[in-house]
Amino acid sequence: MSGIGVIKEENCSGCLRCALACSFFNSLEREFNLSQSKIKIERKNGQNSFKVSLQEDCTGCDICQDYCHYGVLG
């Protein structure tokens, strides 16, 4: 379970830095692989707004929060 209490989707730029960091630091292979990320970023209705969600198997390491420069995760 994550220590992230608030997700401010309105701040998300869709850059995927959080998801890439998650996939890298939480895989044994230490590879960037978005399919292995525990945080998912999805574009809403073709607009420049994004849905941010944590998967049930998120470990709560908060790496994603460390790499988000837009204050989405907190």
C-alpha atoms as a PDB file:
ATOM      1  CA  MET A   1       0.000   0.000   0.000  1.00  0.00           C
ATOM      2  CA  SER A   2       1.294   3.422  -0.921  1.00  0.00           C
ATOM      3  CA  GLY A   3       2.100   6.274   1.404  1.00  0.00           C
ATOM      4  CA  ILE A   4       0.679   8.686  -1.164  1.00  0.00           C
ATOM      5  CA  GLY A   5      -2.343  10.373   0.342  1.00  0.00           C
ATOM      6  CA  VAL A   6      -3.398  12.776  -2.412  1.00  0.00           C
ATOM      7  CA  ILE A   7      -3.198  12.576  -6.186  1.00  0.00           C
ATOM      8  CA  LYS A   8      -3.586  15.963  -7.893  1.00  0.00           C
ATOM      9  CA  GLU A   9      -4.414  14.842 -11.433  1.00  0.00           C
ATOM     10  CA  GLU A  10      -4.916  18.446 -12.547  1.00  0.00           C
ATOM     11  CA  ASN A  11      -1.133  18.979 -12.195  1.00  0.00           C
ATOM     12  CA  CYS A  12      -0.153  15.962 -14.310  1.00  0.00           C
ATOM     13  CA  SER A  13       1.652  16.752 -17.585  1.00  0.00           C
ATOM     14  CA  GLY A  14       1.692  13.135 -18.765  1.00  0.00           C
ATOM     15  CA  CYS A  15       5.507  13.046 -18.835  1.00  0.00           C
ATOM     16  CA  LEU A  16       5.605   9.512 -17.333  1.00  0.00           C
ATOM     17  CA  ARG A  17       8.701  10.218 -15.194  1.00  0.00           C
ATOM     18  CA  CYS A  18       6.929   8.705 -12.180  1.00  0.00           C
ATOM     19  CA  ALA A  19       5.980   5.527 -14.047  1.00  0.00           C
ATOM     20  CA  LEU A  20       9.426   5.120 -15.586  1.00  0.00           C
ATOM     21  CA  ALA A  21      11.123   5.547 -12.198  1.00  0.00           C
ATOM     22  CA  CYS A  22       8.716   3.025 -10.655  1.00  0.00           C
ATOM     23  CA  SER A  23       9.416   0.465 -13.355  1.00  0.00           C
ATOM     24  CA  PHE A  24      13.182   0.901 -13.042  1.00  0.00           C
ATOM     25  CA  PHE A  25      13.577   0.876  -9.255  1.00  0.00           C
ATOM     26  CA  ASN A  26      11.028  -1.864  -8.620  1.00  0.00           C
ATOM     27  CA  SER A  27      12.258  -4.429 -11.121  1.00  0.00           C
ATOM     28  CA  LEU A  28      15.030  -6.953 -10.624  1.00  0.00           C
ATOM     29  CA  GLU A  29      16.342  -6.234 -14.121  1.00  0.00           C
ATOM     30  CA  ARG A  30      16.698  -2.466 -13.475  1.00  0.00           C
ATOM     31  CA  GLU A  31      15.121  -1.658 -16.830  1.00  0.00           C
ATOM     32  CA  PHE A  32      12.646   1.002 -17.870  1.00  0.00           C
ATOM     33  CA  ASN A  33       9.473  -0.926 -18.719  1.00  0.00           C
ATOM     34  CA  LEU A  34       6.136   0.840 -18.351  1.00  0.00           C
ATOM     35  CA  SER A  35       4.286  -2.461 -18.259  1.00  0.00           C
ATOM     36  CA  GLN A  36       6.052  -3.172 -14.942  1.00  0.00           C
ATOM     37  CA  SER A  37       5.142   0.169 -13.356  1.00  0.00           C
ATOM     38  CA  LYS A  38       2.746   0.203 -10.394  1.00  0.00           C
ATOM     39  CA  ILE A  39       1.524   3.688 -11.319  1.00  0.00           C
ATOM     40  CA  LYS A  40      -0.498   4.192 -14.487  1.00  0.00           C
ATOM     41  CA  ILE A  41      -0.945   7.428 -16.394  1.00  0.00           C
ATOM     42  CA  GLU A  42      -3.763   7.506 -18.951  1.00  0.00           C
ATOM     43  CA  ARG A  43      -4.876  10.354 -21.202  1.00  0.00           C
ATOM     44  CA  LYS A  44      -8.497  11.390 -20.590  1.00  0.00           C
ATOM     45  CA  ASN A  45     -10.661  11.578 -23.712  1.00  0.00           C
ATOM     46  CA  GLY A  46      -7.820  12.646 -26.015  1.00  0.00           C
ATOM     47  CA  GLN A  47      -7.313  15.833 -24.013  1.00  0.00           C
ATOM     48  CA  ASN A  48      -4.218  17.131 -22.242  1.00  0.00           C
ATOM     49  CA  SER A  49      -5.509  15.860 -18.925  1.00  0.00           C
ATOM     50  CA  PHE A  50      -4.555  12.579 -17.347  1.00  0.00           C
ATOM     51  CA  LYS A  51      -5.911   9.914 -15.010  1.00  0.00           C
ATOM     52  CA  VAL A  52      -3.319   8.837 -12.438  1.00  0.00           C
ATOM     53  CA  SER A  53      -3.854   5.563 -10.599  1.00  0.00           C
ATOM     54  CA  LEU A  54      -1.863   3.253  -8.366  1.00  0.00           C
ATOM     55  CA  GLN A  55      -2.116  -0.486  -8.897  1.00  0.00           C
ATOM     56  CA  GLU A  56      -3.217  -2.743  -6.040  1.00  0.00           C
ATOM     57  CA  ASP A  57       0.253  -4.314  -5.862  1.00  0.00           C
ATOM     58  CA  CYS A  58       1.972  -0.941  -5.301  1.00  0.00           C
ATOM     59  CA  THR A  59       4.585  -1.433  -2.570  1.00  0.00           C
ATOM     60  CA  GLY A  60       4.358   2.099  -1.182  1.00  0.00           C
ATOM     61  CA  CYS A  61       8.012   2.930  -1.808  1.00  0.00           C
ATOM     62  CA  ASP A  62       7.044   6.444  -3.038  1.00  0.00           C
ATOM     63  CA  ILE A  63       9.770   6.484  -5.741  1.00  0.00           C
ATOM     64  CA  CYS A  64       7.129   7.898  -8.089  1.00  0.00           C
ATOM     65  CA  GLN A  65       6.648  10.856  -5.757  1.00  0.00           C
ATOM     66  CA  ASP A  66      10.394  11.574  -5.728  1.00  0.00           C
ATOM     67  CA  TYR A  67      10.475  11.810  -9.538  1.00  0.00           C
ATOM     68  CA  CYS A  68       7.302  13.853 -10.061  1.00  0.00           C
ATOM     69  CA  HIS A  69       8.268  17.483 -10.632  1.00  0.00           C
ATOM     70  CA  TYR A  70       4.673  18.700 -10.909  1.00  0.00           C
ATOM     71  CA  GLY A  71       3.364  17.974  -7.414  1.00  0.00           C
ATOM     72  CA  VAL A  72       0.876  15.362  -8.581  1.00  0.00           C
ATOM     73  CA  LEU A  73       1.703  12.810  -5.917  1.00  0.00           C
ATOM     74  CA  GLY A  74       1.685  13.705  -2.259  1.00  0.00           C
END
